[in-house]
Amino acid sequence: MRPASSRFLTALAAPHVLAVEVAISSPAGPVTVPLIDGTVTLDQRAATRGRCELTLQQDEGNGLELIPTSSASLLAPYGAEATVSRGVLFPDGTSELVSLGVFRLEVTDTEDDPSGQSIRVSGQDRSSIVIDARFEEPYQVAAGTNYTTAIGGVLAAGYPGIVTDLPATSLTTPNLVAQEGDDRWSFAQSMAKAMGHELYFDGDGVCVMVPTSTLSSGSAVTTIAEGQGGVLLRLGSRWSREGTYNRVIAVGENTGEGPPVRGVATDENPLSPTYYYGPFGRVPRFYASPFVTTDVQAQDAAAAILAGELGTTQQLEFGSVVNPALEPGDVARVTRARSGVDEDHIIDSLTIPLTPAGTMTGSTRATQVT
């Protein structure tokens, strides 16, 4: 969950005045632009976690020319970024904003008709910078390199000036080689995954690495419920066994002499609907990676992958009052008596509107205690 004050969180559940800011980077500093409409989508299962779609208003009266006329224009998609924030304007005139992301402008479309001029902008978070910076020649990570050091080096080589928050680790890499043309971001994410971690750019545009969210890692950070004081507006559910596994077997591909390293994680909770020894059946998933070099590391990788599988048989799609502090990976208590739902869920994705009338939508999966 993004940092937010208790005053802010309390205000969200009551009528309040929306505060939104879209600031575009420029050589002279950030430029705030007028917003007509827009959304930010965050999806923890996508390679690029954050995306934005913005509709801006050309306002000639304020002297701000937004419609691009050259590659140096403010909204020309040649390195410009949009920092998008949503929050609350309090009755005392102060405001609190939560940054939803820093998005590189990808496409700028304009329209000029009798009603005026409008601009539509699409953006992706800073992972797009790393994705574009493919390896231009073979790249080697020497055996015994600290994983955090290796990941930081891969990222910085493709994105000079990148800001990272990578935790320390004692784990070291085997000899790793990326080929010319390989995806730099995928290479870095694979190293993080081998440690049981996720790598993504957060709402402040910082590249962070955190342990993979597990379905039993902590209590709910919020409640999404119906009724007086609640924020839940609608709820849909889906039950499916498609793509669900209850055992993960992780092995290393780069161990040299001796037996291969191996780790196994299993849903051994008899109360789980995907219990390995129950009526769901035995459904293993296999994961092999040259980044995995020890049995401990293989076990961590298997456990992290299994954590992403548990609960996928029960999914919810919800609409609620907007809480811009929520993030994919957060645990939320979802309650709706008519639908028979009153349980913790992990949030997989969110679409956050940037207008007062918009409804926040999201998808979740049910948690299982393991």
Protein backbone atom coordinates (compact mmCIF):
# COMPACT_ATOMS: atom_id res chain seq x y z
CA MET A 1 0.00 0.00 0.00
CA ARG A 2 1.26 3.45 -0.88
CA PRO A 3 2.01 5.82 2.02
CA ALA A 4 -1.06 7.82 3.08
CA SER A 5 -2.19 9.54 6.25
CA SER A 6 -5.07 8.30 8.41
CA ARG A 7 -6.84 11.58 7.63
CA PHE A 8 -6.59 10.78 3.94
CA LEU A 9 -7.88 7.21 4.29
CA THR A 10 -10.79 8.33 6.48
CA ALA A 11 -11.80 10.99 3.95
CA LEU A 12 -12.00 8.48 1.09
CA ALA A 13 -15.03 6.68 2.57
CA ALA A 14 -17.02 9.92 2.88
CA PRO A 15 -18.01 12.59 0.35
CA HIS A 16 -14.88 14.54 -0.53
CA VAL A 17 -13.41 16.82 -3.17
CA LEU A 18 -11.10 15.15 -5.66
CA ALA A 19 -7.56 16.42 -6.18
CA VAL A 20 -5.71 15.29 -9.32
CA GLU A 21 -2.38 16.38 -10.77
CA VAL A 22 -0.66 15.50 -14.03
CA ALA A 23 2.85 16.94 -14.28
CA ILE A 24 4.88 16.62 -17.48
CA SER A 25 8.66 16.67 -17.29
CA SER A 26 10.46 19.44 -19.15
CA PRO A 27 13.98 20.93 -19.18
CA ALA A 28 12.66 23.81 -17.07
CA GLY A 29 11.00 21.52 -14.54
CA PRO A 30 7.60 19.79 -14.19
CA VAL A 31 4.67 21.44 -15.99
CA THR A 32 1.16 20.81 -14.62
CA VAL A 33 -1.36 20.28 -17.44
CA PRO A 34 -5.20 20.45 -17.41
CA LEU A 35 -6.87 17.02 -17.35
CA ILE A 36 -10.26 16.17 -18.87
CA ASP A 37 -10.30 12.42 -18.25
CA GLY A 38 -7.98 9.52 -17.67
CA THR A 39 -7.16 6.24 -16.00
CA VAL A 40 -4.14 4.50 -14.51
CA THR A 41 -3.96 0.71 -14.70
CA LEU A 42 -1.67 -1.31 -12.43
CA ASP A 43 -1.22 -5.04 -13.08
CA GLN A 44 1.29 -7.08 -11.10
CA ARG A 45 1.23 -9.92 -13.65
CA ALA A 46 2.25 -7.74 -16.59
CA ALA A 47 5.89 -7.11 -17.51
CA THR A 48 5.08 -3.39 -17.49
CA ARG A 49 3.10 -2.98 -14.28
CA GLY A 50 1.75 0.54 -14.82
CA ARG A 51 0.04 2.25 -17.77
CA CYS A 52 -1.89 5.48 -18.14
CA GLU A 53 -4.41 6.90 -20.60
CA LEU A 54 -4.93 10.67 -20.34
CA THR A 55 -7.18 13.16 -22.14
CA LEU A 56 -5.86 16.70 -21.80
CA GLN A 57 -7.40 20.06 -22.67
CA GLN A 58 -5.66 22.59 -24.85
CA ASP A 59 -6.16 25.94 -23.10
CA GLU A 60 -4.73 28.76 -25.18
CA GLY A 61 -5.79 31.28 -22.57
CA ASN A 62 -3.09 30.16 -20.14
CA GLY A 63 -0.34 30.36 -22.74
CA LEU A 64 0.40 26.64 -22.47
CA GLU A 65 0.73 25.05 -25.90
CA LEU A 66 0.08 21.34 -25.50
CA ILE A 67 -0.51 20.15 -29.07
CA PRO A 68 2.88 18.99 -30.35
CA THR A 69 4.28 20.86 -33.34
CA SER A 70 7.86 19.56 -33.17
CA SER A 71 9.98 16.92 -31.48
CA ALA A 72 10.81 19.50 -28.77
CA SER A 73 7.14 20.07 -27.83
CA LEU A 74 6.11 19.32 -24.24
CA LEU A 75 3.97 16.29 -25.16
CA ALA A 76 6.18 14.90 -27.91
CA PRO A 77 6.89 11.25 -26.95
CA TYR A 78 10.68 11.47 -27.11
CA GLY A 79 11.60 11.10 -23.46
CA ALA A 80 8.91 13.18 -21.76
CA GLU A 81 7.28 11.66 -18.67
CA ALA A 82 3.97 12.22 -16.88
CA THR A 83 3.76 11.95 -13.10
CA VAL A 84 0.12 11.19 -12.27
CA SER A 85 -1.31 11.69 -8.78
CA ARG A 86 -4.76 11.43 -7.25
CA GLY A 87 -5.90 12.46 -3.79
CA VAL A 88 -8.17 14.58 -1.63
CA LEU A 89 -8.73 18.33 -1.28
CA PHE A 90 -9.62 18.84 2.38
CA PRO A 91 -12.13 21.46 3.63
CA ASP A 92 -9.30 23.58 5.09
CA GLY A 93 -7.86 24.04 1.61
CA THR A 94 -4.93 21.64 2.03
CA SER A 95 -4.58 18.55 -0.12
CA GLU A 96 -2.88 15.17 -0.03
CA LEU A 97 -1.88 13.38 -3.21
CA VAL A 98 -0.73 9.81 -3.84
CA SER A 99 1.55 9.31 -6.82
CA LEU A 100 0.20 6.54 -9.06
CA GLY A 101 3.27 6.34 -11.27
CA VAL A 102 5.78 8.02 -13.51
CA PHE A 103 4.91 7.17 -17.11
CA ARG A 104 7.00 7.65 -20.22
CA LEU A 105 4.84 9.14 -22.97
CA GLU A 106 4.41 6.56 -25.74
CA VAL A 107 1.74 8.03 -28.04
CA THR A 108 0.19 11.50 -28.33
CA ASP A 109 -2.97 11.88 -30.45
CA THR A 110 -4.68 15.21 -31.09
CA GLU A 111 -8.15 16.16 -32.28
CA ASP A 112 -9.38 19.56 -33.45
CA ASP A 113 -13.16 19.98 -33.96
CA PRO A 114 -15.78 22.71 -33.43
CA SER A 115 -15.93 21.91 -29.69
CA GLY A 116 -12.22 22.60 -29.24
CA GLN A 117 -8.90 20.84 -29.23
CA SER A 118 -8.13 17.76 -27.17
CA ILE A 119 -5.07 15.62 -26.70
CA ARG A 120 -4.95 11.92 -25.82
CA VAL A 121 -1.76 10.61 -24.28
CA SER A 122 -0.76 7.01 -23.56
CA GLY A 123 2.11 6.20 -21.22
CA GLN A 124 3.93 3.26 -19.67
CA ASP A 125 5.96 3.11 -16.47
CA ARG A 126 9.75 3.28 -16.54
CA SER A 127 10.15 -0.43 -17.15
CA SER A 128 9.50 0.51 -20.79
CA ILE A 129 12.87 2.30 -20.80
CA VAL A 130 14.65 -0.87 -19.70
CA ILE A 131 12.64 -3.04 -22.11
CA ASP A 132 13.64 -0.86 -25.05
CA ALA A 133 17.32 -1.00 -24.04
CA ARG A 134 17.92 -4.54 -25.27
CA PHE A 135 21.38 -5.99 -24.95
CA GLU A 136 23.42 -4.73 -27.92
CA GLU A 137 26.11 -7.35 -27.44
CA PRO A 138 26.57 -10.48 -25.31
CA TYR A 139 26.50 -9.60 -21.60
CA GLN A 140 28.05 -11.74 -18.88
CA VAL A 141 27.45 -11.87 -15.15
CA ALA A 142 30.42 -13.65 -13.58
CA ALA A 143 29.80 -16.59 -11.27
CA GLY A 144 29.78 -15.51 -7.61
CA THR A 145 28.36 -12.03 -8.27
CA ASN A 146 25.98 -10.84 -5.57
CA TYR A 147 22.45 -10.94 -6.99
CA THR A 148 21.56 -7.41 -5.92
CA THR A 149 24.76 -6.11 -7.50
CA ALA A 150 24.06 -8.07 -10.69
CA ILE A 151 20.50 -6.79 -11.03
CA GLY A 152 21.55 -3.20 -10.34
CA GLY A 153 24.32 -3.44 -12.94
CA VAL A 154 22.03 -4.83 -15.64
CA LEU A 155 19.47 -2.07 -15.04
CA ALA A 156 21.96 0.81 -14.85
CA ALA A 157 23.72 -0.27 -18.05
CA GLY A 158 20.45 0.17 -19.99
CA TYR A 159 18.97 3.05 -18.00
CA PRO A 160 21.66 5.48 -16.82
CA GLY A 161 20.43 7.47 -13.83
CA ILE A 162 17.90 4.86 -12.75
CA VAL A 163 16.80 5.12 -9.11
CA THR A 164 16.56 1.75 -7.37
CA ASP A 165 15.62 0.33 -3.98
CA LEU A 166 17.05 -3.19 -4.01
CA PRO A 167 17.38 -5.12 -0.74
CA ALA A 168 20.67 -6.67 0.30
CA THR A 169 21.14 -10.39 -0.16
CA SER A 170 23.84 -12.96 0.43
CA LEU A 171 22.82 -14.98 -2.64
CA THR A 172 25.23 -15.08 -5.55
CA THR A 173 24.78 -15.87 -9.23
CA PRO A 174 26.13 -18.64 -11.40
CA ASN A 175 27.79 -17.64 -14.65
CA LEU A 176 25.01 -15.93 -16.61
CA VAL A 177 25.04 -14.79 -20.22
CA ALA A 178 22.53 -12.64 -22.07
CA GLN A 179 22.68 -12.75 -25.84
CA GLU A 180 22.63 -9.81 -28.21
CA GLY A 181 19.01 -8.69 -28.62
CA ASP A 182 17.77 -10.25 -25.37
CA ASP A 183 15.25 -8.37 -23.24
CA ARG A 184 17.14 -6.57 -20.45
CA TRP A 185 14.08 -6.18 -18.23
CA SER A 186 13.15 -9.85 -18.54
CA PHE A 187 16.74 -10.80 -17.67
CA ALA A 188 16.66 -8.66 -14.52
CA GLN A 189 13.20 -9.88 -13.53
CA SER A 190 14.32 -13.49 -13.96
CA MET A 191 17.15 -12.93 -11.51
CA ALA A 192 14.71 -11.43 -9.01
CA LYS A 193 12.27 -14.31 -9.52
CA ALA A 194 15.03 -16.83 -8.82
CA MET A 195 15.37 -15.17 -5.40
CA GLY A 196 11.62 -15.31 -4.73
CA HIS A 197 11.23 -11.58 -5.40
CA GLU A 198 9.37 -9.25 -7.77
CA LEU A 199 10.95 -6.34 -9.62
CA TYR A 200 8.86 -3.35 -10.70
CA PHE A 201 8.68 0.45 -10.78
CA ASP A 202 6.59 1.92 -7.97
CA GLY A 203 4.38 5.00 -7.89
CA ASP A 204 7.39 7.29 -7.45
CA GLY A 205 9.20 5.87 -10.47
CA VAL A 206 11.69 3.96 -8.32
CA CYS A 207 12.67 0.42 -9.33
CA VAL A 208 11.97 -1.72 -6.27
CA MET A 209 12.49 -5.39 -5.49
CA VAL A 210 10.23 -6.98 -2.89
CA PRO A 211 9.44 -10.55 -1.81
CA THR A 212 6.66 -12.07 -3.87
CA SER A 213 3.32 -11.50 -2.18
CA THR A 214 2.19 -14.66 -0.47
CA LEU A 215 -1.37 -15.54 0.34
CA SER A 216 -0.61 -15.89 4.04
CA SER A 217 1.94 -13.11 4.49
CA GLY A 218 -0.13 -10.65 6.48
CA SER A 219 -3.42 -9.17 7.47
CA ALA A 220 -5.59 -7.11 5.16
CA VAL A 221 -4.52 -3.49 4.69
CA THR A 222 -8.07 -2.40 3.84
CA THR A 223 -11.67 -3.57 3.78
CA ILE A 224 -13.76 -3.44 0.62
CA ALA A 225 -17.30 -3.87 1.93
CA GLU A 226 -20.90 -2.94 1.18
CA GLY A 227 -23.27 -0.97 3.38
CA GLN A 228 -23.04 2.25 5.35
CA GLY A 229 -19.49 3.53 5.40
CA GLY A 230 -18.47 0.86 2.91
CA VAL A 231 -16.79 1.42 -0.44
CA LEU A 232 -17.91 -1.64 -2.45
CA LEU A 233 -20.23 -0.79 -5.34
CA ARG A 234 -20.39 -4.02 -7.35
CA LEU A 235 -18.91 -7.49 -7.31
CA GLY A 236 -18.53 -10.35 -9.78
CA SER A 237 -16.95 -13.75 -9.21
CA ARG A 238 -15.40 -16.46 -11.32
CA TRP A 239 -14.50 -20.00 -10.36
CA SER A 240 -12.06 -21.86 -12.60
CA ARG A 241 -9.32 -24.45 -12.30
CA GLU A 242 -7.71 -23.34 -15.56
CA GLY A 243 -4.05 -22.42 -15.08
CA THR A 244 -4.05 -23.42 -11.40
CA TYR A 245 -1.27 -25.57 -9.91
CA ASN A 246 -0.82 -26.98 -6.42
CA ARG A 247 2.82 -28.04 -6.58
CA VAL A 248 5.83 -26.21 -8.06
CA ILE A 249 9.08 -28.02 -8.82
CA ALA A 250 11.97 -25.62 -9.43
CA VAL A 251 15.34 -26.79 -10.73
CA GLY A 252 18.57 -25.06 -11.69
CA GLU A 253 20.04 -25.35 -15.18
CA ASN A 254 23.47 -23.93 -14.46
CA THR A 255 25.04 -26.03 -11.70
CA GLY A 256 28.03 -27.65 -13.44
CA GLU A 257 29.10 -30.95 -11.88
CA GLY A 258 26.98 -32.87 -9.42
CA PRO A 259 23.22 -33.38 -9.11
CA PRO A 260 20.95 -30.51 -10.17
CA VAL A 261 19.61 -28.23 -7.48
CA ARG A 262 15.92 -28.71 -6.78
CA GLY A 263 13.16 -27.21 -4.68
CA VAL A 264 9.54 -28.27 -4.25
CA ALA A 265 6.63 -26.26 -2.83
CA THR A 266 3.24 -27.89 -2.32
CA ASP A 267 -0.21 -26.82 -1.23
CA GLU A 268 -0.38 -29.01 1.87
CA ASN A 269 -3.29 -27.26 3.57
CA PRO A 270 -6.17 -29.77 3.93
CA LEU A 271 -8.62 -26.84 4.07
CA SER A 272 -7.46 -25.45 0.72
CA PRO A 273 -9.64 -26.22 -2.32
CA THR A 274 -6.42 -26.90 -4.25
CA TYR A 275 -5.00 -29.25 -1.59
CA TYR A 276 -2.44 -31.44 -3.33
CA TYR A 277 -3.70 -34.64 -1.74
CA GLY A 278 -7.40 -33.75 -2.11
CA PRO A 279 -10.10 -34.06 -4.78
CA PHE A 280 -8.62 -31.21 -6.83
CA GLY A 281 -5.95 -33.67 -7.94
CA ARG A 282 -2.20 -33.41 -8.32
CA VAL A 283 -1.33 -30.60 -10.73
CA PRO A 284 2.41 -29.78 -10.75
CA ARG A 285 4.09 -26.86 -12.47
CA PHE A 286 7.73 -27.11 -13.51
CA TYR A 287 10.16 -24.19 -13.43
CA ALA A 288 13.74 -24.39 -14.68
CA SER A 289 16.14 -21.47 -14.58
CA PRO A 290 19.87 -20.91 -15.06
CA PHE A 291 19.59 -18.28 -12.31
CA VAL A 292 18.88 -20.90 -9.63
CA THR A 293 22.11 -22.31 -8.17
CA THR A 294 21.36 -23.76 -4.72
CA ASP A 295 18.69 -25.95 -3.18
CA VAL A 296 17.71 -23.11 -0.85
CA GLN A 297 17.29 -20.74 -3.76
CA ALA A 298 15.29 -23.35 -5.69
CA GLN A 299 13.03 -23.77 -2.66
CA ASP A 300 12.50 -20.00 -2.39
CA ALA A 301 11.69 -19.76 -6.10
CA ALA A 302 9.23 -22.67 -5.89
CA ALA A 303 7.50 -21.13 -2.86
CA ALA A 304 7.22 -17.73 -4.54
CA ILE A 305 5.74 -19.20 -7.72
CA LEU A 306 3.27 -21.31 -5.76
CA ALA A 307 2.21 -18.20 -3.84
CA GLY A 308 1.08 -16.72 -7.14
CA GLU A 309 -0.94 -19.82 -7.99
CA LEU A 310 -2.83 -20.43 -4.75
CA GLY A 311 -6.30 -18.95 -4.82
CA THR A 312 -6.44 -18.47 -8.60
CA THR A 313 -9.42 -20.84 -8.75
CA GLN A 314 -11.53 -18.14 -7.07
CA GLN A 315 -11.33 -14.67 -8.54
CA LEU A 316 -13.32 -11.51 -7.97
CA GLU A 317 -13.91 -8.48 -10.16
CA PHE A 318 -15.00 -5.47 -8.13
CA GLY A 319 -15.99 -1.86 -8.46
CA SER A 320 -15.49 0.46 -5.52
CA VAL A 321 -14.95 3.98 -4.32
CA VAL A 322 -11.44 4.98 -5.36
CA ASN A 323 -8.55 4.41 -2.96
CA PRO A 324 -5.41 5.52 -4.82
CA ALA A 325 -3.17 4.20 -2.04
CA LEU A 326 -3.99 0.57 -2.90
CA GLU A 327 -1.53 -1.42 -5.01
CA PRO A 328 -1.45 -4.83 -6.66
CA GLY A 329 -0.14 -7.34 -4.13
CA ASP A 330 -2.06 -5.77 -1.24
CA VAL A 331 -4.35 -8.01 0.80
CA ALA A 332 -7.92 -6.70 1.08
CA ARG A 333 -10.87 -8.00 3.07
CA VAL A 334 -13.80 -8.26 0.62
CA THR A 335 -17.30 -8.47 2.11
CA ARG A 336 -20.66 -8.73 0.36
CA ALA A 337 -23.33 -10.77 2.17
CA ARG A 338 -25.64 -11.29 -0.83
CA SER A 339 -22.80 -12.84 -2.82
CA GLY A 340 -21.62 -14.94 0.14
CA VAL A 341 -18.21 -13.27 0.18
CA ASP A 342 -16.39 -12.40 3.40
CA GLU A 343 -12.71 -13.23 3.08
CA ASP A 344 -9.23 -11.95 2.38
CA HIS A 345 -8.12 -11.57 -1.22
CA ILE A 346 -4.89 -10.53 -2.92
CA ILE A 347 -5.30 -7.68 -5.39
CA ASP A 348 -3.85 -8.57 -8.80
CA SER A 349 -4.82 -5.49 -10.81
CA LEU A 350 -6.44 -2.08 -10.42
CA THR A 351 -7.81 0.53 -12.81
CA ILE A 352 -7.95 3.92 -11.12
CA PRO A 353 -10.02 6.71 -12.69
CA LEU A 354 -8.85 10.32 -12.56
CA THR A 355 -12.30 11.97 -12.56
CA PRO A 356 -14.85 12.38 -9.73
CA ALA A 357 -17.51 10.18 -11.34
CA GLY A 358 -15.20 7.25 -11.99
CA THR A 359 -15.29 3.91 -10.19
CA MET A 360 -12.13 2.02 -9.29
CA THR A 361 -12.17 -1.51 -10.67
CA GLY A 362 -9.94 -4.40 -9.77
CA SER A 363 -9.38 -8.14 -9.87
CA THR A 364 -8.43 -10.35 -6.93
CA ARG A 365 -7.84 -13.96 -5.98
CA ALA A 366 -8.84 -15.65 -2.78
CA THR A 367 -6.17 -16.23 -0.18
CA GLN A 368 -5.37 -19.63 1.22
CA VAL A 369 -3.63 -20.30 4.53
CA THR A 370 -0.57 -22.49 3.94
